[in-house]
C-alpha atoms as a PDB file:
ATOM      1  CA  MET A   1     -23.329 -10.051 -17.147  1.00  0.00           C
ATOM      2  CA  SER A   2     -22.510 -11.513 -13.666  1.00  0.00           C
ATOM      3  CA  ARG A   3     -23.685 -10.273  -9.925  1.00  0.00           C
ATOM      4  CA  TYR A   4     -20.117 -10.671  -9.197  1.00  0.00           C
ATOM      5  CA  LEU A   5     -18.780  -7.491 -11.358  1.00  0.00           C
ATOM      6  CA  SER A   6     -20.936  -5.686  -8.023  1.00  0.00           C
ATOM      7  CA  GLU A   7     -21.038  -7.996  -5.424  1.00  0.00           C
ATOM      8  CA  ALA A   8     -18.636 -10.847  -4.042  1.00  0.00           C
ATOM      9  CA  ARG A   9     -21.528 -13.574  -4.406  1.00  0.00           C
ATOM     10  CA  PRO A  10     -21.494 -17.275  -5.276  1.00  0.00           C
ATOM     11  CA  ALA A  11     -23.494 -18.611  -7.724  1.00  0.00           C
ATOM     12  CA  GLU A  12     -27.976 -17.918  -7.467  1.00  0.00           C
ATOM     13  CA  LEU A  13     -28.482 -21.835  -6.717  1.00  0.00           C
ATOM     14  CA  VAL A  14     -25.721 -22.075  -4.676  1.00  0.00           C
ATOM     15  CA  ARG A  15     -27.869 -19.074  -2.573  1.00  0.00           C
ATOM     16  CA  SER A  16     -31.934 -20.256  -3.784  1.00  0.00           C
ATOM     17  CA  GLY A  17     -31.759 -22.380  -0.202  1.00  0.00           C
ATOM     18  CA  TYR A  18     -31.612 -19.746   1.773  1.00  0.00           C
ATOM     19  CA  SER A  19     -33.895 -17.536   3.667  1.00  0.00           C
ATOM     20  CA  GLU A  20     -33.560 -13.251   2.519  1.00  0.00           C
ATOM     21  CA  ASP A  21     -32.409 -12.966   6.464  1.00  0.00           C
ATOM     22  CA  GLU A  22     -30.003 -15.281   5.832  1.00  0.00           C
ATOM     23  CA  LYS A  23     -28.587 -14.310   2.244  1.00  0.00           C
ATOM     24  CA  ALA A  24     -28.151 -10.367   3.964  1.00  0.00           C
ATOM     25  CA  LYS A  25     -25.792 -11.954   6.465  1.00  0.00           C
ATOM     26  CA  LEU A  26     -23.675 -14.527   3.821  1.00  0.00           C
ATOM     27  CA  ASP A  27     -23.355 -11.603   1.290  1.00  0.00           C
ATOM     28  CA  ALA A  28     -22.078 -10.107   4.291  1.00  0.00           C
ATOM     29  CA  PHE A  29     -19.723 -11.865   5.556  1.00  0.00           C
ATOM     30  CA  LEU A  30     -18.874 -12.361   1.836  1.00  0.00           C
ATOM     31  CA  ALA A  31     -17.932  -9.066   1.883  1.00  0.00           C
ATOM     32  CA  SER A  32     -15.586  -9.059   4.608  1.00  0.00           C
ATOM     33  CA  ALA A  33     -13.680 -12.007   3.132  1.00  0.00           C
ATOM     34  CA  THR A  34     -11.400 -10.506   0.890  1.00  0.00           C
ATOM     35  CA  SER A  35     -10.933  -6.398   1.454  1.00  0.00           C
ATOM     36  CA  GLU A  36     -12.698  -3.967  -1.480  1.00  0.00           C
ATOM     37  CA  ASN A  37      -9.572  -2.723  -3.074  1.00  0.00           C
ATOM     38  CA  THR A  38      -9.753  -6.552  -3.727  1.00  0.00           C
ATOM     39  CA  ARG A  39     -13.108  -6.371  -4.543  1.00  0.00           C
ATOM     40  CA  ARG A  40     -12.471  -3.436  -7.085  1.00  0.00           C
ATOM     41  CA  SER A  41      -9.562  -4.941  -8.525  1.00  0.00           C
ATOM     42  CA  TYR A  42     -11.485  -7.653  -9.980  1.00  0.00           C
ATOM     43  CA  ARG A  43     -14.386  -6.114 -10.780  1.00  0.00           C
ATOM     44  CA  SER A  44     -12.325  -3.532 -13.424  1.00  0.00           C
ATOM     45  CA  ALA A  45     -10.247  -7.549 -14.299  1.00  0.00           C
ATOM     46  CA  ILE A  46     -13.650  -8.721 -15.527  1.00  0.00           C
ATOM     47  CA  ARG A  47     -14.338  -5.717 -17.091  1.00  0.00           C
ATOM     48  CA  GLN A  48     -11.383  -5.330 -19.075  1.00  0.00           C
ATOM     49  CA  TYR A  49     -11.941  -9.740 -20.497  1.00  0.00           C
ATOM     50  CA  GLN A  50     -15.416  -9.004 -21.645  1.00  0.00           C
ATOM     51  CA  ARG A  51     -14.705  -5.827 -23.322  1.00  0.00           C
ATOM     52  CA  SER A  52     -12.542  -7.580 -25.319  1.00  0.00           C
ATOM     53  CA  GLY A  53     -14.720 -10.338 -26.124  1.00  0.00           C
ATOM     54  CA  GLY A  54     -13.782 -12.800 -23.635  1.00  0.00           C
ATOM     55  CA  PRO A  55     -17.338 -15.480 -22.870  1.00  0.00           C
ATOM     56  CA  LEU A  56     -18.530 -15.731 -19.442  1.00  0.00           C
ATOM     57  CA  PRO A  57     -17.820 -19.238 -18.293  1.00  0.00           C
ATOM     58  CA  ALA A  58     -15.077 -18.940 -19.984  1.00  0.00           C
ATOM     59  CA  THR A  59     -12.868 -22.224 -21.348  1.00  0.00           C
ATOM     60  CA  ALA A  60      -8.727 -22.646 -21.604  1.00  0.00           C
ATOM     61  CA  ASP A  61      -8.884 -22.099 -25.110  1.00  0.00           C
ATOM     62  CA  ASP A  62     -11.318 -18.481 -24.347  1.00  0.00           C
ATOM     63  CA  ILE A  63      -8.385 -17.789 -21.512  1.00  0.00           C
ATOM     64  CA  VAL A  64      -5.337 -18.515 -24.527  1.00  0.00           C
ATOM     65  CA  ARG A  65      -7.298 -16.188 -26.868  1.00  0.00           C
ATOM     66  CA  TYR A  66      -6.869 -13.373 -24.114  1.00  0.00           C
ATOM     67  CA  LEU A  67      -3.681 -14.121 -22.652  1.00  0.00           C
ATOM     68  CA  LEU A  68      -2.273 -13.911 -26.717  1.00  0.00           C
ATOM     69  CA  LEU A  69      -4.558 -10.854 -27.427  1.00  0.00           C
ATOM     70  CA  THR A  70      -2.897  -8.527 -24.316  1.00  0.00           C
ATOM     71  CA  SER A  71       0.343  -9.929 -23.764  1.00  0.00           C
ATOM     72  CA  GLU A  72       1.653  -6.818 -25.621  1.00  0.00           C
ATOM     73  CA  ARG A  73      -0.207  -4.524 -24.256  1.00  0.00           C
ATOM     74  CA  TYR A  74      -0.147  -5.280 -20.375  1.00  0.00           C
ATOM     75  CA  ARG A  75       2.835  -6.057 -17.870  1.00  0.00           C
ATOM     76  CA  VAL A  76       2.919  -9.806 -16.288  1.00  0.00           C
ATOM     77  CA  ALA A  77       1.397  -8.573 -12.986  1.00  0.00           C
ATOM     78  CA  THR A  78      -1.512  -6.782 -15.183  1.00  0.00           C
ATOM     79  CA  LEU A  79      -2.186 -10.729 -16.710  1.00  0.00           C
ATOM     80  CA  GLN A  80      -1.694 -12.100 -12.977  1.00  0.00           C
ATOM     81  CA  LEU A  81      -4.045 -10.565 -11.816  1.00  0.00           C
ATOM     82  CA  HIS A  82      -6.901 -11.279 -14.880  1.00  0.00           C
ATOM     83  CA  LEU A  83      -6.660 -14.543 -14.141  1.00  0.00           C
ATOM     84  CA  SER A  84      -7.209 -14.353 -10.675  1.00  0.00           C
ATOM     85  CA  ALA A  85      -9.398 -12.481 -10.788  1.00  0.00           C
ATOM     86  CA  LEU A  86     -11.231 -14.773 -13.167  1.00  0.00           C
ATOM     87  CA  SER A  87     -10.663 -17.879 -11.276  1.00  0.00           C
ATOM     88  CA  ALA A  88     -12.489 -16.064  -8.372  1.00  0.00           C
ATOM     89  CA  TRP A  89     -14.955 -15.586 -10.134  1.00  0.00           C
ATOM     90  CA  HIS A  90     -15.584 -19.018 -11.420  1.00  0.00           C
ATOM     91  CA  ALA A  91     -14.948 -20.570  -8.423  1.00  0.00           C
ATOM     92  CA  PHE A  92     -17.786 -17.962  -6.637  1.00  0.00           C
ATOM     93  CA  GLN A  93     -20.261 -19.249 -10.130  1.00  0.00           C
ATOM     94  CA  GLY A  94     -19.478 -22.979  -8.408  1.00  0.00           C
ATOM     95  CA  VAL A  95     -17.868 -23.885 -12.726  1.00  0.00           C
ATOM     96  CA  VAL A  96     -14.905 -25.325 -13.713  1.00  0.00           C
ATOM     97  CA  ASP A  97     -11.787 -22.685 -13.580  1.00  0.00           C
ATOM     98  CA  PRO A  98     -10.379 -22.636 -16.172  1.00  0.00           C
ATOM     99  CA  VAL A  99      -7.143 -20.656 -15.077  1.00  0.00           C
ATOM    100  CA  VAL A 100      -5.529 -23.146 -13.662  1.00  0.00           C
ATOM    101  CA  SER A 101      -5.491 -25.523 -16.868  1.00  0.00           C
ATOM    102  CA  ALA A 102      -2.148 -26.750 -17.928  1.00  0.00           C
ATOM    103  CA  PRO A 103      -2.056 -25.036 -21.821  1.00  0.00           C
ATOM    104  CA  VAL A 104      -3.004 -21.745 -19.833  1.00  0.00           C
ATOM    105  CA  ARG A 105       0.246 -22.030 -17.107  1.00  0.00           C
ATOM    106  CA  GLN A 106       1.946 -22.954 -19.671  1.00  0.00           C
ATOM    107  CA  VAL A 107       0.872 -19.735 -22.166  1.00  0.00           C
ATOM    108  CA  LEU A 108       1.650 -17.797 -19.208  1.00  0.00           C
ATOM    109  CA  LYS A 109       5.395 -19.188 -18.393  1.00  0.00           C
ATOM    110  CA  GLY A 110       6.194 -18.785 -21.945  1.00  0.00           C
ATOM    111  CA  ILE A 111       4.192 -14.840 -22.037  1.00  0.00           C
ATOM    112  CA  LYS A 112       6.814 -14.605 -18.346  1.00  0.00           C
ATOM    113  CA  ARG A 113       9.678 -15.307 -20.583  1.00  0.00           C
ATOM    114  CA  SER A 114       8.960 -13.715 -22.977  1.00  0.00           C
ATOM    115  CA  ASN A 115       8.491 -10.230 -22.131  1.00  0.00           C
ATOM    116  CA  GLY A 116       8.704 -10.343 -18.593  1.00  0.00           C
ATOM    117  CA  GLN A 117      10.595  -7.349 -17.187  1.00  0.00           C
ATOM    118  CA  PRO A 118      12.298  -6.521 -13.650  1.00  0.00           C
ATOM    119  CA  GLN A 119       8.983  -4.640 -11.866  1.00  0.00           C
ATOM    120  CA  GLN A 120       8.787  -1.304 -11.672  1.00  0.00           C
ATOM    121  CA  LYS A 121       9.297  -0.065  -7.667  1.00  0.00           C
ATOM    122  CA  ALA A 122       8.735   3.404  -6.235  1.00  0.00           C
ATOM    123  CA  PRO A 123      12.095   4.827  -4.823  1.00  0.00           C
ATOM    124  CA  PRO A 124      12.477   4.687  -1.012  1.00  0.00           C
ATOM    125  CA  LEU A 125      11.693   8.178  -0.070  1.00  0.00           C
ATOM    126  CA  ARG A 126      15.207   8.934   2.345  1.00  0.00           C
ATOM    127  CA  LEU A 127      14.945  10.100   6.223  1.00  0.00           C
ATOM    128  CA  GLN A 128      17.115  13.902   4.605  1.00  0.00           C
ATOM    129  CA  GLN A 129      14.592  13.635   1.636  1.00  0.00           C
ATOM    130  CA  LEU A 130      11.844  13.735   4.336  1.00  0.00           C
ATOM    131  CA  GLY A 131      13.596  16.545   6.563  1.00  0.00           C
ATOM    132  CA  LYS A 132      13.585  18.789   3.500  1.00  0.00           C
ATOM    133  CA  ILE A 133      10.010  18.208   2.363  1.00  0.00           C
ATOM    134  CA  CYS A 134       8.832  18.987   6.562  1.00  0.00           C
ATOM    135  CA  HIS A 135      10.601  21.827   5.880  1.00  0.00           C
ATOM    136  CA  SER A 136       8.991  23.442   3.549  1.00  0.00           C
ATOM    137  CA  MET A 137       5.764  23.133   5.076  1.00  0.00           C
ATOM    138  CA  THR A 138       6.284  24.907   8.147  1.00  0.00           C
ATOM    139  CA  ALA A 139       6.315  29.589   7.426  1.00  0.00           C
ATOM    140  CA  ASN A 140       5.689  31.867   9.749  1.00  0.00           C
ATOM    141  CA  GLY A 141       8.863  31.713  11.364  1.00  0.00           C
ATOM    142  CA  GLY A 142       7.961  28.132  11.719  1.00  0.00           C
ATOM    143  CA  GLN A 143       4.713  28.321  12.503  1.00  0.00           C
ATOM    144  CA  PRO A 144       2.211  25.546  11.008  1.00  0.00           C
ATOM    145  CA  GLY A 145       0.973  27.230   7.520  1.00  0.00           C
ATOM    146  CA  LYS A 146      -2.173  26.121   5.718  1.00  0.00           C
ATOM    147  CA  LEU A 147      -4.993  23.445   6.781  1.00  0.00           C
ATOM    148  CA  SER A 148      -3.859  21.337   4.619  1.00  0.00           C
ATOM    149  CA  SER A 149      -0.091  21.643   5.535  1.00  0.00           C
ATOM    150  CA  VAL A 150      -0.194  20.586   8.622  1.00  0.00           C
ATOM    151  CA  ARG A 151      -2.114  17.467   7.548  1.00  0.00           C
ATOM    152  CA  ASP A 152       0.499  16.610   5.012  1.00  0.00           C
ATOM    153  CA  LYS A 153       3.243  17.103   7.857  1.00  0.00           C
ATOM    154  CA  ALA A 154       1.185  14.757  10.085  1.00  0.00           C
ATOM    155  CA  LEU A 155       0.726  11.946   7.398  1.00  0.00           C
ATOM    156  CA  LEU A 156       3.812  11.806   5.984  1.00  0.00           C
ATOM    157  CA  LEU A 157       6.048  11.537   9.786  1.00  0.00           C
ATOM    158  CA  LEU A 158       3.326   9.063  10.446  1.00  0.00           C
ATOM    159  CA  GLY A 159       3.389   7.289   6.907  1.00  0.00           C
ATOM    160  CA  PHE A 160       6.837   7.223   7.468  1.00  0.00           C
ATOM    161  CA  LEU A 161       8.044   6.199  11.774  1.00  0.00           C
ATOM    162  CA  GLY A 162       5.311   3.997  11.055  1.00  0.00           C
ATOM    163  CA  ALA A 163       6.080   1.710   7.703  1.00  0.00           C
ATOM    164  CA  PHE A 164       2.366   1.650   7.267  1.00  0.00           C
ATOM    165  CA  ARG A 165       0.702   1.340   3.977  1.00  0.00           C
ATOM    166  CA  ARG A 166      -1.506   3.660   2.633  1.00  0.00           C
ATOM    167  CA  SER A 167      -4.325   1.225   2.838  1.00  0.00           C
ATOM    168  CA  GLU A 168      -3.963   1.455   7.251  1.00  0.00           C
ATOM    169  CA  LEU A 169      -2.863   5.465   6.962  1.00  0.00           C
ATOM    170  CA  VAL A 170      -6.049   6.416   5.820  1.00  0.00           C
ATOM    171  CA  ALA A 171      -7.970   3.585   8.352  1.00  0.00           C
ATOM    172  CA  ILE A 172      -6.687   5.086  11.229  1.00  0.00           C
ATOM    173  CA  ASP A 173      -9.533   7.046  13.726  1.00  0.00           C
ATOM    174  CA  VAL A 174      -9.046   9.001  16.530  1.00  0.00           C
ATOM    175  CA  SER A 175     -10.026   5.669  18.882  1.00  0.00           C
ATOM    176  CA  ASP A 176      -7.118   4.130  17.364  1.00  0.00           C
ATOM    177  CA  LEU A 177      -4.665   6.417  19.065  1.00  0.00           C
ATOM    178  CA  SER A 178      -3.204   6.244  22.659  1.00  0.00           C
ATOM    179  CA  PHE A 179      -0.737   9.369  23.373  1.00  0.00           C
ATOM    180  CA  VAL A 180       1.708   8.092  26.351  1.00  0.00           C
ATOM    181  CA  THR A 181       4.694   8.587  28.124  1.00  0.00           C
ATOM    182  CA  ASP A 182       6.496   7.922  25.377  1.00  0.00           C
ATOM    183  CA  GLY A 183       5.075   8.930  22.858  1.00  0.00           C
ATOM    184  CA  LEU A 184       1.914   7.327  20.436  1.00  0.00           C
ATOM    185  CA  GLU A 185      -0.253   3.429  20.024  1.00  0.00           C
ATOM    186  CA  ILE A 186      -1.731   2.890  16.760  1.00  0.00           C
ATOM    187  CA  ARG A 187      -4.443   0.537  16.980  1.00  0.00           C
ATOM    188  CA  ILE A 188      -4.330  -1.422  13.384  1.00  0.00           C
ATOM    189  CA  ARG A 189      -7.469  -3.132  12.970  1.00  0.00           C
ATOM    190  CA  HIS A 190      -6.685  -4.464   9.218  1.00  0.00           C
ATOM    191  CA  SER A 191      -4.310  -4.945   7.347  1.00  0.00           C
ATOM    192  CA  LYS A 192      -3.035  -6.677   4.139  1.00  0.00           C
ATOM    193  CA  THR A 193      -1.305  -9.278   5.613  1.00  0.00           C
ATOM    194  CA  ASP A 194      -4.357  -9.604   8.699  1.00  0.00           C
ATOM    195  CA  GLN A 195      -7.208  -9.531   6.751  1.00  0.00           C
ATOM    196  CA  THR A 196      -9.141 -11.547   9.610  1.00  0.00           C
ATOM    197  CA  GLY A 197      -9.230  -8.963  11.975  1.00  0.00           C
ATOM    198  CA  GLN A 198      -6.291  -9.894  14.669  1.00  0.00           C
ATOM    199  CA  GLY A 199      -5.156  -6.523  15.264  1.00  0.00           C
ATOM    200  CA  LEU A 200      -1.490  -4.663  15.551  1.00  0.00           C
ATOM    201  CA  VAL A 201      -0.058  -1.769  17.836  1.00  0.00           C
ATOM    202  CA  LYS A 202       2.729   0.161  16.295  1.00  0.00           C
ATOM    203  CA  ALA A 203       4.661   2.307  18.840  1.00  0.00           C
ATOM    204  CA  ILE A 204       5.567   5.553  17.442  1.00  0.00           C
ATOM    205  CA  PRO A 205       8.636   7.161  20.042  1.00  0.00           C
ATOM    206  CA  ALA A 206       7.993  10.758  20.685  1.00  0.00           C
ATOM    207  CA  THR A 207      11.583  12.726  19.259  1.00  0.00           C
ATOM    208  CA  ALA A 208      13.139  16.298  18.855  1.00  0.00           C
ATOM    209  CA  GLY A 209      12.501  18.451  15.905  1.00  0.00           C
ATOM    210  CA  GLU A 210      11.047  18.279  13.327  1.00  0.00           C
ATOM    211  CA  LEU A 211      10.580  15.503  12.605  1.00  0.00           C
ATOM    212  CA  CYS A 212       8.050  14.222  15.196  1.00  0.00           C
ATOM    213  CA  ALA A 213       5.325  12.634  13.995  1.00  0.00           C
ATOM    214  CA  VAL A 214       3.829  12.110  17.717  1.00  0.00           C
ATOM    215  CA  THR A 215       3.674  16.414  17.561  1.00  0.00           C
ATOM    216  CA  ALA A 216       2.659  16.359  14.748  1.00  0.00           C
ATOM    217  CA  VAL A 217       0.066  14.493  15.022  1.00  0.00           C
ATOM    218  CA  ARG A 218      -0.854  16.109  17.986  1.00  0.00           C
ATOM    219  CA  ASP A 219      -0.977  19.067  15.819  1.00  0.00           C
ATOM    220  CA  TRP A 220      -3.351  17.829  13.066  1.00  0.00           C
ATOM    221  CA  LEU A 221      -6.167  17.289  15.542  1.00  0.00           C
ATOM    222  CA  SER A 222      -5.923  19.950  17.612  1.00  0.00           C
ATOM    223  CA  VAL A 223      -6.153  22.577  14.037  1.00  0.00           C
ATOM    224  CA  ALA A 224      -8.437  20.398  12.586  1.00  0.00           C
ATOM    225  CA  GLY A 225     -10.082  19.823  15.636  1.00  0.00           C
ATOM    226  CA  ILE A 226     -10.946  15.891  15.709  1.00  0.00           C
ATOM    227  CA  GLU A 227     -12.142  14.644  17.691  1.00  0.00           C
ATOM    228  CA  SER A 228     -13.700  11.070  16.712  1.00  0.00           C
ATOM    229  CA  GLY A 229     -13.475   8.890  13.467  1.00  0.00           C
ATOM    230  CA  ALA A 230     -11.194   9.433  10.369  1.00  0.00           C
ATOM    231  CA  VAL A 231      -7.948  11.336  11.605  1.00  0.00           C
ATOM    232  CA  PHE A 232      -6.923  11.890   7.515  1.00  0.00           C
ATOM    233  CA  ARG A 233      -9.351  14.077   5.481  1.00  0.00           C
ATOM    234  CA  PRO A 234      -9.807  15.417   2.558  1.00  0.00           C
ATOM    235  CA  VAL A 235      -8.899  19.428   2.901  1.00  0.00           C
ATOM    236  CA  ASN A 236     -10.145  21.386  -0.104  1.00  0.00           C
ATOM    237  CA  GLN A 237      -8.692  24.571  -1.332  1.00  0.00           C
ATOM    238  CA  TRP A 238     -10.741  26.874   0.623  1.00  0.00           C
ATOM    239  CA  GLN A 239      -8.377  25.210   3.347  1.00  0.00           C
ATOM    240  CA  GLN A 240     -12.709  23.719   4.416  1.00  0.00           C
ATOM    241  CA  LEU A 241     -12.141  19.666   6.242  1.00  0.00           C
ATOM    242  CA  SER A 242     -14.699  16.910   4.705  1.00  0.00           C
ATOM    243  CA  GLU A 243     -16.590  14.763   6.851  1.00  0.00           C
ATOM    244  CA  ASN A 244     -15.037  11.620   4.587  1.00  0.00           C
ATOM    245  CA  ARG A 245     -11.854  10.169   4.792  1.00  0.00           C
ATOM    246  CA  LEU A 246      -8.935  10.768   2.687  1.00  0.00           C
ATOM    247  CA  THR A 247      -9.052   7.368   0.496  1.00  0.00           C
ATOM    248  CA  PRO A 248      -5.089   5.199  -0.293  1.00  0.00           C
ATOM    249  CA  SER A 249      -4.938   7.046  -3.751  1.00  0.00           C
ATOM    250  CA  ALA A 250      -5.158  10.600  -2.364  1.00  0.00           C
ATOM    251  CA  VAL A 251      -1.583   8.983   0.003  1.00  0.00           C
ATOM    252  CA  ASN A 252       0.188   9.086  -3.389  1.00  0.00           C
ATOM    253  CA  GLN A 253      -1.071  12.316  -4.800  1.00  0.00           C
ATOM    254  CA  ILE A 254      -0.329  13.667  -0.973  1.00  0.00           C
ATOM    255  CA  LEU A 255       3.658  12.838  -1.506  1.00  0.00           C
ATOM    256  CA  LYS A 256       3.881  13.793  -5.111  1.00  0.00           C
ATOM    257  CA  ARG A 257       3.139  17.336  -4.552  1.00  0.00           C
ATOM    258  CA  ALA A 258       5.169  17.171  -1.406  1.00  0.00           C
ATOM    259  CA  CYS A 259       8.875  16.020  -2.975  1.00  0.00           C
ATOM    260  CA  THR A 260       7.837  18.537  -6.156  1.00  0.00           C
ATOM    261  CA  LYS A 261       7.145  21.670  -3.693  1.00  0.00           C
ATOM    262  CA  ALA A 262      10.544  20.312  -1.911  1.00  0.00           C
ATOM    263  CA  GLY A 263      12.525  20.029  -4.938  1.00  0.00           C
ATOM    264  CA  VAL A 264      13.334  16.904  -4.310  1.00  0.00           C
ATOM    265  CA  ASP A 265      14.890  15.158  -7.011  1.00  0.00           C
ATOM    266  CA  ASP A 266      12.065  12.738  -9.470  1.00  0.00           C
ATOM    267  CA  ALA A 267       9.009  13.699  -7.374  1.00  0.00           C
ATOM    268  CA  LEU A 268       7.189  11.722  -9.636  1.00  0.00           C
ATOM    269  CA  GLN A 269       8.339   8.835  -8.829  1.00  0.00           C
ATOM    270  CA  PHE A 270       7.796   8.963  -5.105  1.00  0.00           C
ATOM    271  CA  SER A 271       4.557   6.461  -4.000  1.00  0.00           C
ATOM    272  CA  GLY A 272       2.753   6.027  -0.822  1.00  0.00           C
ATOM    273  CA  HIS A 273       4.797   2.886  -0.805  1.00  0.00           C
ATOM    274  CA  SER A 274       7.804   4.842  -0.430  1.00  0.00           C
ATOM    275  CA  LEU A 275       7.305   6.273   2.638  1.00  0.00           C
ATOM    276  CA  ARG A 276       7.371   2.071   4.011  1.00  0.00           C
ATOM    277  CA  ARG A 277      10.303   0.837   1.684  1.00  0.00           C
ATOM    278  CA  GLY A 278      11.855   4.042   2.972  1.00  0.00           C
ATOM    279  CA  LEU A 279      11.702   3.198   7.200  1.00  0.00           C
ATOM    280  CA  ALA A 280      12.845  -0.301   6.071  1.00  0.00           C
ATOM    281  CA  THR A 281      16.232   0.638   3.648  1.00  0.00           C
ATOM    282  CA  GLU A 282      17.019   4.091   6.401  1.00  0.00           C
ATOM    283  CA  ALA A 283      16.439   1.639   9.415  1.00  0.00           C
ATOM    284  CA  ALA A 284      19.181  -0.458   7.402  1.00  0.00           C
ATOM    285  CA  ARG A 285      21.358   1.859   7.099  1.00  0.00           C
ATOM    286  CA  SER A 286      21.439   2.654  10.256  1.00  0.00           C
ATOM    287  CA  GLY A 287      22.657  -0.657  11.855  1.00  0.00           C
ATOM    288  CA  ALA A 288      18.189  -1.441  13.434  1.00  0.00           C
ATOM    289  CA  SER A 289      17.647  -5.449  13.408  1.00  0.00           C
ATOM    290  CA  PHE A 290      16.388  -7.305  11.274  1.00  0.00           C
ATOM    291  CA  GLU A 291      13.485  -8.501  13.999  1.00  0.00           C
ATOM    292  CA  ALA A 292      12.464  -4.263  14.757  1.00  0.00           C
ATOM    293  CA  ILE A 293      12.803  -3.712  10.910  1.00  0.00           C
ATOM    294  CA  ARG A 294      10.147  -6.300  10.819  1.00  0.00           C
ATOM    295  CA  LYS A 295       8.162  -5.573  13.408  1.00  0.00           C
ATOM    296  CA  GLN A 296       7.445  -1.720  13.091  1.00  0.00           C
ATOM    297  CA  GLY A 297       6.245  -2.697   8.911  1.00  0.00           C
ATOM    298  CA  GLY A 298       4.228  -5.566  10.466  1.00  0.00           C
ATOM    299  CA  TRP A 299       5.855  -7.582   7.895  1.00  0.00           C
ATOM    300  CA  LYS A 300       4.631 -11.291   7.394  1.00  0.00           C
ATOM    301  CA  ASN A 301       7.039 -12.311   4.571  1.00  0.00           C
ATOM    302  CA  ASP A 302      10.774 -12.055   5.363  1.00  0.00           C
ATOM    303  CA  THR A 303      12.300 -12.611   1.881  1.00  0.00           C
ATOM    304  CA  THR A 304      10.309  -8.995   2.374  1.00  0.00           C
ATOM    305  CA  VAL A 305      12.009  -7.649   5.235  1.00  0.00           C
ATOM    306  CA  ARG A 306      15.371  -9.336   3.640  1.00  0.00           C
ATOM    307  CA  GLY A 307      15.204  -7.236   0.492  1.00  0.00           C
ATOM    308  CA  TYR A 308      14.359  -4.043   1.664  1.00  0.00           C
ATOM    309  CA  ILE A 309      17.481  -4.324   4.825  1.00  0.00           C
ATOM    310  CA  GLU A 310      20.184  -5.741   1.258  1.00  0.00           C
ATOM    311  CA  GLU A 311      19.239  -2.916  -0.426  1.00  0.00           C
ATOM    312  CA  GLY A 312      19.492  -0.679   2.563  1.00  0.00           C
ATOM    313  CA  SER A 313      22.798  -2.196   3.218  1.00  0.00           C
ATOM    314  CA  ARG A 314      24.223  -1.743  -0.342  1.00  0.00           C
ATOM    315  CA  PHE A 315      27.284   0.819   0.821  1.00  0.00           C
ATOM    316  CA  LYS A 316      27.508  -0.365   4.140  1.00  0.00           C
ATOM    317  CA  ASP A 317      30.769  -2.533   4.528  1.00  0.00           C
ATOM    318  CA  ASN A 318      30.587  -2.558   0.687  1.00  0.00           C
ATOM    319  CA  VAL A 319      34.234  -4.483  -0.521  1.00  0.00           C
ATOM    320  CA  VAL A 320      34.576  -1.523  -2.264  1.00  0.00           C
ATOM    321  CA  SER A 321      34.519   1.174  -0.360  1.00  0.00           C
ATOM    322  CA  ILE A 322      36.443  -1.036   1.956  1.00  0.00           C
ATOM    323  CA  LEU A 323      39.345  -2.086  -0.448  1.00  0.00           C
ATOM    324  CA  PHE A 324      39.896   1.188  -0.807  1.00  0.00           C
ATOM    325  CA  ASP A 325      40.223   2.241   2.715  1.00  0.00           C
ATOM    326  CA  LEU A 326      42.697  -0.454   3.486  1.00  0.00           C
ATOM    327  CA  ASN A 327      44.951   0.637   0.831  1.00  0.00           C
ATOM    328  CA  GLN A 328      44.426   4.626   2.092  1.00  0.00           C
ATOM    329  CA  GLU A 329      45.650   2.663   5.783  1.00  0.00           C
ATOM    330  CA  HIS A 330      48.507   1.657   3.790  1.00  0.00           C
ATOM    331  CA  GLN A 331      49.996   4.594   1.482  1.00  0.00           C
ATOM    332  CA  ALA A 332      49.106   6.980   4.852  1.00  0.00           C
END
């Protein structure tokens, strides 16, 4: 089995001319070239390919056979991920990439047309639903309850109002926070669309009422006694704080659990991405500009932002509403 399954390394033939110190630096730089989430996904995809009997290196026929074998087992998006992993494996080994061959591309195109389904998206969280969730997390006359509830409120409010990706949210350290007069500034050191670490600063204005993320984050840091390191950490069943960092998947679990407790409809359909989509669609409903939405979410792809705006504005200026409003005016 290739060493690529555990580390992002080129073929040993390429590495053979380097000293041990140079190899160590090379490995560190290669590991930084892609995110840990991507490497983890690729390792899993390669394992699944090999478990099905697929050889490495592979030929175009090997890849086509794999697609025929798995076309009804996996969604198209999963197959595309597997092909990306296989393509990366061959690139690292310095051998011909069979994934780019015409037969593979044509078979995948046929699978898309035959089996393609609309991508299942987690529903956006509404502001009203977020309010219901936060209200359920308070007890004893409005005072925060369990340590985990204080954390969850801060996590979900910040995730929603900052339109954070899960990976960005759990990567925040205390040193990334700057409490200022108008609210909170958060430095994002790395993100999905900023792999080179140029950085991004998100502003979270202080607001009145229960949905103030700035107050929630302050409360969490104070109650948990966190002064450095990861902001969001696991809390066990005895309400003991861990020194570790929450994982991105934990954000999904926390949101689903919070939605269930608050009695939000279809609670288990929500995921961490519901926070990010929720801010975009709610902002669009409220008339926020394209640039303001794009800036808060840190989106690089304008098409993605326009999709969220369209989704949030489906019932705003809808021709049916206009038609009935005019009809009511004529009858009055």
